Amino acid sequence: MPMKPLCHCLLLGLSLFTCLLNSCGDKKEKAAQQLETSGYQTTPADFLRAAENGDIKALQLFIEQDMDIGVKDDNGWTALHLASRSSRQESISFLLESGMAVDIPGLDGVTPLMLAAREGNTTMVRYLLKQGAKAELKDEKNRSALILAVEGGHKSCVEELAPYSRAQLDTALLYAASKGKHQVINTLTSFGASVYVRHEEGMTPLMLAAHHGHTDTVNSLLDSGANRYAINEQGWTAAQVAAAAGQDTLVAILDQIPIDEEMAITEPEDAEGVDWEVPANLAIASITASNPDSTPQKDHQVEMKEAKILEKALPPQGRKHLPFVAGKTLTTTGATAATVVKELAMIDYQEKPLPLMVEKTTPPSSENGGTAELRMLYGEQQKVAVREGEIIPNTQFKIINIRRILNHSKVTDGQPTDVSIVEIEDTRTGKRREMTARIPATASEPWAVMRTKSNGEYYAVRAGQSFSTAAGEHFTITDVRPSQLVITHNGTGEVSTIPLGR
């Protein structure tokens, strides 16, 4: 190739490259001038200020200046954190479109969502969740956005976060109880947190609140169905926990003599159904939790339409009589076991305690029947020995039968443990229940409320009950637990769980 054309090409390329550099330089210089005219310097501090101010034009100019969008201020906050704190949705949208991660960590590993939850910024919590922020993440102190919202007593933020934080609800309730955050107790339980959950040493939320002297929280937990007759690993009730901590005011609340309704066996027949007190926050919990896994960009009008449809299906406040699901055919639209289970929701859990517990039993002698030593779980915690056929003092319960069983296991290091069964009868109604040694008694089998999502039918369910669907699928309620239903498909044996609040 002749040298002159080659040199000409090289000179032309160099000239174009120089023009590009000059063009870029001119563009940056122009951006810097525009920023200065707007009152900004091309510094990280002013970039962060622009994000906090919601100044999109300035942010665009900073990007043209090749500003590092992940820069932090002296406190460890990024532009996204500052925009979140000042409720600048326009800044957040721009930063996310520019490649910033919605869950970028700031000071102590706190994400923008955590910061909004901590400060009680409900609108921003809702917006960040819609942008895909992950509620399950935790900061360097092991706190999630939900826990931070609970810590601040921010009820509305808890309502937003709860449907995205199913696995953390029980932990949040224990935390709220121990810290006295009574404002969020009812909200947490409405979304599926269980008042029966246990902390270390078998402590319930009620016991934790009692220990720390949180009167309002104790009352909120009792209103949410907490069991004041439950015992911890030491065998103490919540009243005894309060007494040991010197919380005399709470002892008076927790140690009241049981009313007649609490001293009655209420085991209904399948054909009877049950009366259900509709939780106050059921509508909020059900509507918010109806589709927590929706896409971040889901249309707001579609969302509101779904909420209105569901709201119409919700029962009114107050008492509602529910039929048991046993023998019923549910009008679900699902044709397979998997689709049927997805259409079912567990709304509530009910367990009625009796303030009694069998401490131990003794075998019958040649002259007398067996004897049961019982403890009253209130007042002076009186212990009485009662033989078969006798009435338990200060109650209407008659001991019908004592089956003494001593169990040996690795758990008890080979020592015999009394797991005897004591059958009692309510002499007023003739209804009977069995009590197991060392376990507080209940007035009936626990039951839950189940709803079909497609048409809003409500049923009471308890273990052992079976039902079918319009498609011919047959199921059995295998177990009813405080936080979930266990359902088995009769044909395949497939076991599924439905968590409380879903």
Foldseek 3Di string as FASTA:
>chain_A
DDPVVVVVVVVVVVVVVVVVVVVLVVLLVVLQVVQVVVPDHLDQVRLLVCLLVLPVVNVVSNVSNVDDQQDADPQFDGSLLSNLVNVNVSSNVSSVVVPDDQQDATVQGHGSLLSCLLVLVLVSNLLSVLVPDQQPDAGNVRDGSLLSNLLNLNQSNNLQCLLRPVVCLQVSLLSNLLNLSLSNNLVSVQQFHFQCDADPQRDGSLLNNLLNLNVSNNVSSVVSPHDQLFAGNVRAGSLVSNVVSVNVVVVVVSFDDDDVVLQAQDADDLAQFDKDQDRPCNLSLCLSNVCSPDHSPPDPVVSVVLSVVVSVLDDDGGIDGFHAQFAAAAAAPDQDPVRQVVQKAWRAKDFRFHQKAFAAKDQADPVFHIWTWMFGSHDPRDIDIDGAQDDDPPGQKHWPDKDWDWDADVVVVRDTDTQIKIKIARVVPRDIDIHTHPGTGTSYAMWTWMARNVRNHIHIYAFQGKYHYPSGWIKGFHHDDSFWTWIATPPPRDIDIHTHSD
